[in-house]
């Protein structure tokens, strides 16, 4: 029998405005310690130097992480024009330079090629696996890899600022699996001037906005106090894009045991994915079929 994990049975979301210079995993570990939480994870990794929304899932909310990961996200990022780096960001070594600097109109015209369904090649320094090994580990050893292009949905890509000839600030709304560094690299290549990400900030992710986040300094300052608990958002917020059905009291035990049970609903399609609630609290997510919910995820919280 494995060791029982210590900590409090908390379920919900804490939105952190991640600072630069720390990994997403380190943020999760700090949050888990500060809340004395038994279980925690995050939805969508940010690079160490990136800032902004990092949604930390607590307890049963970890079961809803895929719904946040699949949701649209919005980033603002500054591209340094005229330089390519081996990491496609400012942390890497400059590998090529160019004197050409495109105009604002030329940049705007080029952005259209990066909107909609696109294919992008991940950076050499990325977490994709090559022959079972993370690409960044091979890249650190000086190995150059032919990484396969991956699909990405880009909802919108806008030029929002041009502080000087060498820099352009963009805002991108996209689906899951996107590499902003690849956008900067490929845009620079399309413009004939090279480019890499200088600064990156995630301003919202699904239902979570950076304005709702707490800083890591605040987490430290409020650690182990009820004040920090007050910033925890309900688990159910991650399910907002799904239809809700009602679980009557007679169906609670069945659903909590992972069995199909009667729910109250109307106007749903056969096999539609929905979430069931009882007295406002999520009980399960599953597929609705002829008056019954067939659960795929069950939420078990202290009664």
C-alpha atoms as a PDB file:
ATOM      1  CA  UNK A   1       0.000   0.000   0.000  1.00  0.00           C
ATOM      2  CA  UNK A   2       1.348   3.442  -1.003  1.00  0.00           C
ATOM      3  CA  UNK A   3       1.932   6.218   1.489  1.00  0.00           C
ATOM      4  CA  UNK A   4      -1.093   8.404   2.074  1.00  0.00           C
ATOM      5  CA  UNK A   5      -0.475  11.918   0.848  1.00  0.00           C
ATOM      6  CA  UNK A   6      -0.643  14.545   3.581  1.00  0.00           C
ATOM      7  CA  UNK A   7      -2.443  17.855   3.336  1.00  0.00           C
ATOM      8  CA  UNK A   8      -5.875  19.378   3.083  1.00  0.00           C
ATOM      9  CA  UNK A   9      -8.594  18.119   0.734  1.00  0.00           C
ATOM     10  CA  UNK A  10      -9.010  21.340  -1.229  1.00  0.00           C
ATOM     11  CA  UNK A  11     -10.761  21.425  -4.600  1.00  0.00           C
ATOM     12  CA  UNK A  12     -10.794  24.439  -6.877  1.00  0.00           C
ATOM     13  CA  UNK A  13      -8.522  26.775  -8.843  1.00  0.00           C
ATOM     14  CA  UNK A  14      -5.955  29.324  -7.757  1.00  0.00           C
ATOM     15  CA  UNK A  15      -4.943  31.675 -10.570  1.00  0.00           C
ATOM     16  CA  UNK A  16      -1.346  32.843 -10.262  1.00  0.00           C
ATOM     17  CA  UNK A  17       0.208  35.720 -12.178  1.00  0.00           C
ATOM     18  CA  UNK A  18       3.459  33.854 -12.775  1.00  0.00           C
ATOM     19  CA  UNK A  19       6.669  35.912 -12.594  1.00  0.00           C
ATOM     20  CA  UNK A  20       9.634  35.465 -14.920  1.00  0.00           C
ATOM     21  CA  UNK A  21      12.550  33.285 -13.874  1.00  0.00           C
ATOM     22  CA  UNK A  22      10.664  30.352 -12.363  1.00  0.00           C
ATOM     23  CA  UNK A  23       9.214  27.147 -13.789  1.00  0.00           C
ATOM     24  CA  UNK A  24       5.510  26.348 -13.815  1.00  0.00           C
ATOM     25  CA  UNK A  25       6.209  23.301 -11.641  1.00  0.00           C
ATOM     26  CA  UNK A  26       7.899  25.486  -9.028  1.00  0.00           C
ATOM     27  CA  UNK A  27       4.810  27.711  -8.911  1.00  0.00           C
ATOM     28  CA  UNK A  28       2.589  24.674  -8.333  1.00  0.00           C
ATOM     29  CA  UNK A  29       4.864  23.451  -5.558  1.00  0.00           C
ATOM     30  CA  UNK A  30       4.756  26.864  -3.860  1.00  0.00           C
ATOM     31  CA  UNK A  31       0.950  26.957  -4.070  1.00  0.00           C
ATOM     32  CA  UNK A  32       0.641  23.431  -2.693  1.00  0.00           C
ATOM     33  CA  UNK A  33       2.875  24.358   0.245  1.00  0.00           C
ATOM     34  CA  UNK A  34       1.147  27.690   0.915  1.00  0.00           C
ATOM     35  CA  UNK A  35      -2.314  26.081   0.978  1.00  0.00           C
ATOM     36  CA  UNK A  36      -1.156  22.815   2.553  1.00  0.00           C
ATOM     37  CA  UNK A  37      -3.016  21.164  -0.323  1.00  0.00           C
ATOM     38  CA  UNK A  38      -2.973  17.422  -0.731  1.00  0.00           C
ATOM     39  CA  UNK A  39      -2.981  17.548  -4.526  1.00  0.00           C
ATOM     40  CA  UNK A  40      -2.214  20.224  -7.134  1.00  0.00           C
ATOM     41  CA  UNK A  41      -1.363  20.539 -10.820  1.00  0.00           C
ATOM     42  CA  UNK A  42      -1.498  23.180 -13.549  1.00  0.00           C
ATOM     43  CA  UNK A  43      -3.203  23.738 -16.898  1.00  0.00           C
ATOM     44  CA  UNK A  44      -0.763  24.775 -19.602  1.00  0.00           C
ATOM     45  CA  UNK A  45       2.963  25.153 -18.984  1.00  0.00           C
ATOM     46  CA  UNK A  46       4.604  28.548 -19.325  1.00  0.00           C
ATOM     47  CA  UNK A  47       8.299  28.815 -20.172  1.00  0.00           C
ATOM     48  CA  UNK A  48      10.445  29.923 -17.194  1.00  0.00           C
ATOM     49  CA  UNK A  49      10.885  33.463 -18.561  1.00  0.00           C
ATOM     50  CA  UNK A  50       7.207  33.852 -19.513  1.00  0.00           C
ATOM     51  CA  UNK A  51       4.747  35.595 -17.214  1.00  0.00           C
ATOM     52  CA  UNK A  52       0.999  35.718 -16.720  1.00  0.00           C
ATOM     53  CA  UNK A  53      -1.869  33.328 -16.126  1.00  0.00           C
ATOM     54  CA  UNK A  54      -0.925  29.992 -14.632  1.00  0.00           C
ATOM     55  CA  UNK A  55      -4.071  28.182 -13.514  1.00  0.00           C
ATOM     56  CA  UNK A  56      -3.270  25.886 -10.582  1.00  0.00           C
ATOM     57  CA  UNK A  57      -5.783  23.071 -10.066  1.00  0.00           C
ATOM     58  CA  UNK A  58      -6.348  21.790  -6.544  1.00  0.00           C
ATOM     59  CA  UNK A  59      -7.703  18.377  -5.570  1.00  0.00           C
ATOM     60  CA  UNK A  60     -10.644  17.232  -7.693  1.00  0.00           C
ATOM     61  CA  UNK A  61     -10.171  20.229 -10.002  1.00  0.00           C
ATOM     62  CA  UNK A  62      -7.158  18.392 -11.484  1.00  0.00           C
ATOM     63  CA  UNK A  63      -9.747  16.224 -13.265  1.00  0.00           C
ATOM     64  CA  UNK A  64     -10.935  19.301 -15.161  1.00  0.00           C
ATOM     65  CA  UNK A  65      -7.469  20.334 -16.385  1.00  0.00           C
ATOM     66  CA  UNK A  66      -8.092  19.023 -19.946  1.00  0.00           C
ATOM     67  CA  UNK A  67     -10.988  21.454 -20.394  1.00  0.00           C
ATOM     68  CA  UNK A  68      -8.732  24.419 -19.615  1.00  0.00           C
ATOM     69  CA  UNK A  69      -5.873  23.023 -21.680  1.00  0.00           C
ATOM     70  CA  UNK A  70      -8.209  22.665 -24.683  1.00  0.00           C
ATOM     71  CA  UNK A  71      -9.642  26.194 -24.304  1.00  0.00           C
ATOM     72  CA  UNK A  72      -8.496  29.270 -26.213  1.00  0.00           C
ATOM     73  CA  UNK A  73      -5.662  31.312 -24.695  1.00  0.00           C
ATOM     74  CA  UNK A  74      -4.376  34.815 -25.322  1.00  0.00           C
ATOM     75  CA  UNK A  75      -0.769  35.984 -25.276  1.00  0.00           C
ATOM     76  CA  UNK A  76       0.976  39.305 -25.734  1.00  0.00           C
ATOM     77  CA  UNK A  77       4.595  39.037 -26.819  1.00  0.00           C
ATOM     78  CA  UNK A  78       7.392  41.247 -28.044  1.00  0.00           C
ATOM     79  CA  UNK A  79       9.450  40.067 -30.999  1.00  0.00           C
ATOM     80  CA  UNK A  80      13.040  41.234 -31.414  1.00  0.00           C
ATOM     81  CA  UNK A  81      13.514  41.707 -35.146  1.00  0.00           C
ATOM     82  CA  UNK A  82      16.850  41.269 -36.887  1.00  0.00           C
ATOM     83  CA  UNK A  83      18.101  38.337 -34.830  1.00  0.00           C
ATOM     84  CA  UNK A  84      17.543  34.578 -34.796  1.00  0.00           C
ATOM     85  CA  UNK A  85      18.525  32.537 -31.741  1.00  0.00           C
ATOM     86  CA  UNK A  86      18.942  28.814 -31.212  1.00  0.00           C
ATOM     87  CA  UNK A  87      16.126  28.804 -28.631  1.00  0.00           C
ATOM     88  CA  UNK A  88      13.843  31.239 -30.528  1.00  0.00           C
ATOM     89  CA  UNK A  89      13.840  33.485 -27.441  1.00  0.00           C
ATOM     90  CA  UNK A  90      16.196  35.888 -25.698  1.00  0.00           C
ATOM     91  CA  UNK A  91      17.745  33.135 -23.560  1.00  0.00           C
ATOM     92  CA  UNK A  92      19.540  31.560 -26.509  1.00  0.00           C
ATOM     93  CA  UNK A  93      22.609  32.335 -28.585  1.00  0.00           C
ATOM     94  CA  UNK A  94      22.255  34.582 -31.629  1.00  0.00           C
ATOM     95  CA  UNK A  95      22.675  32.425 -34.729  1.00  0.00           C
ATOM     96  CA  UNK A  96      21.907  34.908 -37.526  1.00  0.00           C
ATOM     97  CA  UNK A  97      21.344  38.648 -37.999  1.00  0.00           C
ATOM     98  CA  UNK A  98      19.874  40.916 -40.667  1.00  0.00           C
ATOM     99  CA  UNK A  99      19.834  44.664 -41.289  1.00  0.00           C
ATOM    100  CA  UNK A 100      16.401  44.664 -42.934  1.00  0.00           C
ATOM    101  CA  UNK A 101      13.548  46.054 -40.858  1.00  0.00           C
ATOM    102  CA  UNK A 102       9.995  45.660 -42.192  1.00  0.00           C
ATOM    103  CA  UNK A 103       7.420  48.440 -42.024  1.00  0.00           C
ATOM    104  CA  UNK A 104       4.278  48.192 -39.904  1.00  0.00           C
ATOM    105  CA  UNK A 105       2.217  47.553 -43.030  1.00  0.00           C
ATOM    106  CA  UNK A 106       4.543  44.749 -44.124  1.00  0.00           C
ATOM    107  CA  UNK A 107       4.248  43.121 -40.694  1.00  0.00           C
ATOM    108  CA  UNK A 108       0.447  43.395 -40.713  1.00  0.00           C
ATOM    109  CA  UNK A 109       0.304  41.868 -44.191  1.00  0.00           C
ATOM    110  CA  UNK A 110       2.492  38.944 -43.093  1.00  0.00           C
ATOM    111  CA  UNK A 111       0.384  38.130 -40.024  1.00  0.00           C
ATOM    112  CA  UNK A 112      -2.456  36.744 -42.134  1.00  0.00           C
ATOM    113  CA  UNK A 113      -0.419  33.637 -42.973  1.00  0.00           C
ATOM    114  CA  UNK A 114      -0.385  32.752 -39.263  1.00  0.00           C
ATOM    115  CA  UNK A 115      -4.150  32.909 -38.678  1.00  0.00           C
ATOM    116  CA  UNK A 116      -6.570  29.984 -38.913  1.00  0.00           C
ATOM    117  CA  UNK A 117      -5.458  26.368 -39.169  1.00  0.00           C
ATOM    118  CA  UNK A 118      -1.691  26.474 -39.482  1.00  0.00           C
ATOM    119  CA  UNK A 119       1.199  24.040 -39.137  1.00  0.00           C
ATOM    120  CA  UNK A 120       4.161  24.976 -36.976  1.00  0.00           C
ATOM    121  CA  UNK A 121       7.460  23.306 -36.172  1.00  0.00           C
ATOM    122  CA  UNK A 122       8.260  23.347 -32.426  1.00  0.00           C
ATOM    123  CA  UNK A 123      11.463  25.084 -31.312  1.00  0.00           C
ATOM    124  CA  UNK A 124      14.583  22.937 -31.039  1.00  0.00           C
ATOM    125  CA  UNK A 125      14.533  23.745 -27.318  1.00  0.00           C
ATOM    126  CA  UNK A 126      11.084  22.346 -26.515  1.00  0.00           C
ATOM    127  CA  UNK A 127       9.556  19.519 -24.510  1.00  0.00           C
ATOM    128  CA  UNK A 128       8.473  17.417 -27.504  1.00  0.00           C
ATOM    129  CA  UNK A 129       9.947  13.940 -27.499  1.00  0.00           C
ATOM    130  CA  UNK A 130      12.356  12.659 -30.139  1.00  0.00           C
ATOM    131  CA  UNK A 131      13.096   8.940 -29.880  1.00  0.00           C
ATOM    132  CA  UNK A 132      11.819   9.055 -26.304  1.00  0.00           C
ATOM    133  CA  UNK A 133      14.043  11.983 -25.281  1.00  0.00           C
ATOM    134  CA  UNK A 134      12.953  15.595 -24.773  1.00  0.00           C
ATOM    135  CA  UNK A 135      14.093  17.776 -27.665  1.00  0.00           C
ATOM    136  CA  UNK A 136      15.683  20.370 -25.379  1.00  0.00           C
ATOM    137  CA  UNK A 137      17.983  17.711 -23.926  1.00  0.00           C
ATOM    138  CA  UNK A 138      19.236  16.788 -27.389  1.00  0.00           C
ATOM    139  CA  UNK A 139      19.539  20.464 -28.315  1.00  0.00           C
ATOM    140  CA  UNK A 140      21.681  21.147 -25.238  1.00  0.00           C
ATOM    141  CA  UNK A 141      24.070  18.475 -26.491  1.00  0.00           C
ATOM    142  CA  UNK A 142      24.368  20.336 -29.787  1.00  0.00           C
ATOM    143  CA  UNK A 143      22.131  17.998 -31.781  1.00  0.00           C
ATOM    144  CA  UNK A 144      19.961  19.598 -34.466  1.00  0.00           C
ATOM    145  CA  UNK A 145      16.683  17.774 -35.072  1.00  0.00           C
ATOM    146  CA  UNK A 146      14.141  17.717 -37.885  1.00  0.00           C
ATOM    147  CA  UNK A 147      11.027  18.154 -35.747  1.00  0.00           C
ATOM    148  CA  UNK A 148       7.661  17.361 -37.289  1.00  0.00           C
ATOM    149  CA  UNK A 149       5.228  20.221 -37.867  1.00  0.00           C
ATOM    150  CA  UNK A 150       2.130  20.254 -35.668  1.00  0.00           C
ATOM    151  CA  UNK A 151      -1.325  21.746 -36.233  1.00  0.00           C
ATOM    152  CA  UNK A 152      -2.407  24.886 -34.378  1.00  0.00           C
ATOM    153  CA  UNK A 153      -5.592  26.942 -34.495  1.00  0.00           C
ATOM    154  CA  UNK A 154      -4.877  30.680 -34.343  1.00  0.00           C
ATOM    155  CA  UNK A 155      -8.031  32.684 -33.739  1.00  0.00           C
ATOM    156  CA  UNK A 156      -6.393  36.088 -34.037  1.00  0.00           C
ATOM    157  CA  UNK A 157      -2.931  37.631 -34.404  1.00  0.00           C
ATOM    158  CA  UNK A 158      -2.662  41.401 -34.130  1.00  0.00           C
ATOM    159  CA  UNK A 159       0.052  44.040 -34.128  1.00  0.00           C
ATOM    160  CA  UNK A 160      -0.573  46.111 -30.982  1.00  0.00           C
ATOM    161  CA  UNK A 161       2.626  48.183 -30.673  1.00  0.00           C
ATOM    162  CA  UNK A 162       5.810  49.086 -32.543  1.00  0.00           C
ATOM    163  CA  UNK A 163       8.022  50.831 -29.965  1.00  0.00           C
ATOM    164  CA  UNK A 164      10.966  51.062 -32.374  1.00  0.00           C
ATOM    165  CA  UNK A 165      12.326  49.554 -35.569  1.00  0.00           C
ATOM    166  CA  UNK A 166      13.815  46.545 -33.766  1.00  0.00           C
ATOM    167  CA  UNK A 167      10.740  45.513 -31.798  1.00  0.00           C
ATOM    168  CA  UNK A 168       7.088  44.673 -32.424  1.00  0.00           C
ATOM    169  CA  UNK A 169       4.460  43.663 -29.872  1.00  0.00           C
ATOM    170  CA  UNK A 170       1.802  41.199 -30.975  1.00  0.00           C
ATOM    171  CA  UNK A 171      -1.314  39.710 -29.409  1.00  0.00           C
ATOM    172  CA  UNK A 172      -2.317  36.153 -30.294  1.00  0.00           C
ATOM    173  CA  UNK A 173      -5.401  34.138 -29.402  1.00  0.00           C
ATOM    174  CA  UNK A 174      -4.915  30.451 -30.126  1.00  0.00           C
ATOM    175  CA  UNK A 175      -5.809  26.889 -29.217  1.00  0.00           C
ATOM    176  CA  UNK A 176      -3.740  24.329 -27.376  1.00  0.00           C
ATOM    177  CA  UNK A 177      -0.270  23.173 -28.316  1.00  0.00           C
ATOM    178  CA  UNK A 178       0.999  26.431 -29.763  1.00  0.00           C
ATOM    179  CA  UNK A 179       4.558  27.718 -29.478  1.00  0.00           C
ATOM    180  CA  UNK A 180       4.736  31.508 -29.460  1.00  0.00           C
ATOM    181  CA  UNK A 181       8.477  31.197 -30.061  1.00  0.00           C
ATOM    182  CA  UNK A 182       7.755  29.403 -33.328  1.00  0.00           C
ATOM    183  CA  UNK A 183       5.416  32.207 -34.403  1.00  0.00           C
ATOM    184  CA  UNK A 184       8.162  34.776 -33.768  1.00  0.00           C
ATOM    185  CA  UNK A 185      10.756  32.668 -35.590  1.00  0.00           C
ATOM    186  CA  UNK A 186       8.553  31.971 -38.597  1.00  0.00           C
ATOM    187  CA  UNK A 187       7.270  35.544 -38.840  1.00  0.00           C
ATOM    188  CA  UNK A 188      10.856  36.806 -38.883  1.00  0.00           C
ATOM    189  CA  UNK A 189      11.685  34.322 -41.627  1.00  0.00           C
ATOM    190  CA  UNK A 190       8.632  35.376 -43.666  1.00  0.00           C
ATOM    191  CA  UNK A 191       9.661  39.022 -43.363  1.00  0.00           C
ATOM    192  CA  UNK A 192      13.269  38.223 -44.281  1.00  0.00           C
ATOM    193  CA  UNK A 193      14.683  39.761 -41.119  1.00  0.00           C
ATOM    194  CA  UNK A 194      14.759  36.925 -38.537  1.00  0.00           C
ATOM    195  CA  UNK A 195      13.095  37.240 -35.148  1.00  0.00           C
ATOM    196  CA  UNK A 196      12.831  35.800 -31.651  1.00  0.00           C
ATOM    197  CA  UNK A 197      10.626  36.307 -28.593  1.00  0.00           C
ATOM    198  CA  UNK A 198      11.928  38.923 -26.189  1.00  0.00           C
ATOM    199  CA  UNK A 199       9.013  38.932 -23.718  1.00  0.00           C
ATOM    200  CA  UNK A 200       5.929  36.728 -23.395  1.00  0.00           C
ATOM    201  CA  UNK A 201       2.850  37.119 -21.204  1.00  0.00           C
ATOM    202  CA  UNK A 202      -0.330  35.000 -21.084  1.00  0.00           C
ATOM    203  CA  UNK A 203      -3.182  37.392 -20.316  1.00  0.00           C
ATOM    204  CA  UNK A 204      -6.032  34.881 -20.230  1.00  0.00           C
ATOM    205  CA  UNK A 205      -6.634  31.168 -20.531  1.00  0.00           C
ATOM    206  CA  UNK A 206     -10.177  29.868 -20.970  1.00  0.00           C
ATOM    207  CA  UNK A 207     -12.239  31.420 -18.142  1.00  0.00           C
ATOM    208  CA  UNK A 208      -9.196  32.686 -16.232  1.00  0.00           C
ATOM    209  CA  UNK A 209      -7.918  36.256 -16.612  1.00  0.00           C
ATOM    210  CA  UNK A 210      -4.634  37.658 -15.330  1.00  0.00           C
ATOM    211  CA  UNK A 211      -6.625  40.386 -13.554  1.00  0.00           C
ATOM    212  CA  UNK A 212      -8.040  37.646 -11.305  1.00  0.00           C
ATOM    213  CA  UNK A 213      -4.622  36.268 -10.428  1.00  0.00           C
ATOM    214  CA  UNK A 214      -2.503  36.584  -7.326  1.00  0.00           C
ATOM    215  CA  UNK A 215       1.220  37.149  -7.506  1.00  0.00           C
ATOM    216  CA  UNK A 216       3.682  34.656  -6.106  1.00  0.00           C
ATOM    217  CA  UNK A 217       4.714  37.282  -3.545  1.00  0.00           C
ATOM    218  CA  UNK A 218       1.087  37.439  -2.392  1.00  0.00           C
ATOM    219  CA  UNK A 219       0.961  33.655  -2.170  1.00  0.00           C
ATOM    220  CA  UNK A 220       4.048  33.712   0.044  1.00  0.00           C
ATOM    221  CA  UNK A 221       2.671  36.538   2.190  1.00  0.00           C
ATOM    222  CA  UNK A 222      -0.705  34.815   2.703  1.00  0.00           C
ATOM    223  CA  UNK A 223       0.691  31.282   3.068  1.00  0.00           C
ATOM    224  CA  UNK A 224      -1.038  29.073   5.627  1.00  0.00           C
ATOM    225  CA  UNK A 225      -3.768  31.673   6.255  1.00  0.00           C
ATOM    226  CA  UNK A 226      -7.528  31.673   5.522  1.00  0.00           C
ATOM    227  CA  UNK A 227      -6.962  34.823   3.455  1.00  0.00           C
ATOM    228  CA  UNK A 228      -5.323  32.800   0.675  1.00  0.00           C
ATOM    229  CA  UNK A 229      -8.221  30.329   0.688  1.00  0.00           C
ATOM    230  CA  UNK A 230     -10.467  33.229  -0.267  1.00  0.00           C
ATOM    231  CA  UNK A 231      -8.801  33.450  -3.686  1.00  0.00           C
ATOM    232  CA  UNK A 232      -9.664  29.852  -4.612  1.00  0.00           C
ATOM    233  CA  UNK A 233     -12.192  29.685  -7.435  1.00  0.00           C
ATOM    234  CA  UNK A 234     -14.721  26.829  -7.615  1.00  0.00           C
ATOM    235  CA  UNK A 235     -13.960  23.672  -9.552  1.00  0.00           C
ATOM    236  CA  UNK A 236     -17.107  24.241 -11.633  1.00  0.00           C
ATOM    237  CA  UNK A 237     -15.669  27.313 -13.385  1.00  0.00           C
ATOM    238  CA  UNK A 238     -13.662  25.014 -15.663  1.00  0.00           C
ATOM    239  CA  UNK A 239     -16.875  23.350 -16.882  1.00  0.00           C
ATOM    240  CA  UNK A 240     -18.594  26.538 -18.021  1.00  0.00           C
ATOM    241  CA  UNK A 241     -18.516  25.704 -21.748  1.00  0.00           C
ATOM    242  CA  UNK A 242     -20.503  22.500 -21.175  1.00  0.00           C
ATOM    243  CA  UNK A 243     -24.231  22.109 -20.667  1.00  0.00           C
ATOM    244  CA  UNK A 244     -25.253  21.435 -17.081  1.00  0.00           C
ATOM    245  CA  UNK A 245     -27.729  18.758 -15.986  1.00  0.00           C
ATOM    246  CA  UNK A 246     -29.188  18.185 -12.556  1.00  0.00           C
ATOM    247  CA  UNK A 247     -28.396  15.110 -10.502  1.00  0.00           C
ATOM    248  CA  UNK A 248     -31.309  14.246  -8.186  1.00  0.00           C
ATOM    249  CA  UNK A 249     -30.521  12.907  -4.723  1.00  0.00           C
ATOM    250  CA  UNK A 250     -31.543   9.393  -5.769  1.00  0.00           C
ATOM    251  CA  UNK A 251     -28.776   9.321  -8.406  1.00  0.00           C
ATOM    252  CA  UNK A 252     -25.912  10.612  -6.265  1.00  0.00           C
ATOM    253  CA  UNK A 253     -24.545   7.285  -5.065  1.00  0.00           C
ATOM    254  CA  UNK A 254     -24.657   5.731  -8.524  1.00  0.00           C
ATOM    255  CA  UNK A 255     -22.832   8.626 -10.185  1.00  0.00           C
ATOM    256  CA  UNK A 256     -20.237   8.896  -7.438  1.00  0.00           C
ATOM    257  CA  UNK A 257     -19.518   5.207  -7.923  1.00  0.00           C
ATOM    258  CA  UNK A 258     -19.009   5.777 -11.641  1.00  0.00           C
ATOM    259  CA  UNK A 259     -22.270   4.174 -12.737  1.00  0.00           C
ATOM    260  CA  UNK A 260     -24.866   5.510 -15.171  1.00  0.00           C
ATOM    261  CA  UNK A 261     -27.772   7.240 -13.462  1.00  0.00           C
ATOM    262  CA  UNK A 262     -30.879   9.294 -14.178  1.00  0.00           C
ATOM    263  CA  UNK A 263     -30.408  13.078 -14.504  1.00  0.00           C
ATOM    264  CA  UNK A 264     -32.766  15.964 -15.180  1.00  0.00           C
ATOM    265  CA  UNK A 265     -32.186  17.688 -18.514  1.00  0.00           C
ATOM    266  CA  UNK A 266     -33.880  18.853 -21.698  1.00  0.00           C
ATOM    267  CA  UNK A 267     -32.900  19.813 -25.235  1.00  0.00           C
ATOM    268  CA  UNK A 268     -29.685  17.790 -25.325  1.00  0.00           C
ATOM    269  CA  UNK A 269     -28.296  15.696 -28.147  1.00  0.00           C
ATOM    270  CA  UNK A 270     -27.704  11.991 -27.725  1.00  0.00           C
ATOM    271  CA  UNK A 271     -24.193  11.314 -26.356  1.00  0.00           C
ATOM    272  CA  UNK A 272     -23.534  15.020 -25.683  1.00  0.00           C
ATOM    273  CA  UNK A 273     -20.840  15.671 -23.072  1.00  0.00           C
ATOM    274  CA  UNK A 274     -22.314  17.454 -20.035  1.00  0.00           C
ATOM    275  CA  UNK A 275     -21.669  17.944 -16.356  1.00  0.00           C
ATOM    276  CA  UNK A 276     -24.042  17.024 -13.583  1.00  0.00           C
ATOM    277  CA  UNK A 277     -24.532  19.060 -10.428  1.00  0.00           C
ATOM    278  CA  UNK A 278     -26.267  18.473  -7.128  1.00  0.00           C
ATOM    279  CA  UNK A 279     -27.121  21.568  -5.097  1.00  0.00           C
ATOM    280  CA  UNK A 280     -24.692  23.550  -7.264  1.00  0.00           C
ATOM    281  CA  UNK A 281     -21.706  21.254  -6.792  1.00  0.00           C
ATOM    282  CA  UNK A 282     -20.238  19.242  -9.664  1.00  0.00           C
ATOM    283  CA  UNK A 283     -20.785  15.506  -9.270  1.00  0.00           C
ATOM    284  CA  UNK A 284     -19.600  14.120 -12.596  1.00  0.00           C
ATOM    285  CA  UNK A 285     -18.831  14.772 -16.255  1.00  0.00           C
ATOM    286  CA  UNK A 286     -20.041  12.324 -18.838  1.00  0.00           C
ATOM    287  CA  UNK A 287     -22.212  11.595 -21.857  1.00  0.00           C
ATOM    288  CA  UNK A 288     -25.966  12.139 -21.813  1.00  0.00           C
ATOM    289  CA  UNK A 289     -27.996   9.310 -23.306  1.00  0.00           C
ATOM    290  CA  UNK A 290     -31.792   9.123 -23.122  1.00  0.00           C
ATOM    291  CA  UNK A 291     -32.193  10.598 -19.664  1.00  0.00           C
ATOM    292  CA  UNK A 292     -29.091   9.034 -18.123  1.00  0.00           C
ATOM    293  CA  UNK A 293     -25.567  10.285 -17.571  1.00  0.00           C
ATOM    294  CA  UNK A 294     -22.753   7.855 -18.297  1.00  0.00           C
ATOM    295  CA  UNK A 295     -19.893   9.359 -16.243  1.00  0.00           C
ATOM    296  CA  UNK A 296     -16.321   9.625 -17.497  1.00  0.00           C
ATOM    297  CA  UNK A 297     -15.057  11.745 -14.585  1.00  0.00           C
ATOM    298  CA  UNK A 298     -16.435  11.653 -11.051  1.00  0.00           C
ATOM    299  CA  UNK A 299     -15.728  14.307  -8.427  1.00  0.00           C
ATOM    300  CA  UNK A 300     -15.364  13.017  -4.884  1.00  0.00           C
ATOM    301  CA  UNK A 301     -15.071  15.610  -2.148  1.00  0.00           C
ATOM    302  CA  UNK A 302     -15.303  15.387   1.631  1.00  0.00           C
ATOM    303  CA  UNK A 303     -18.935  15.355   2.751  1.00  0.00           C
END
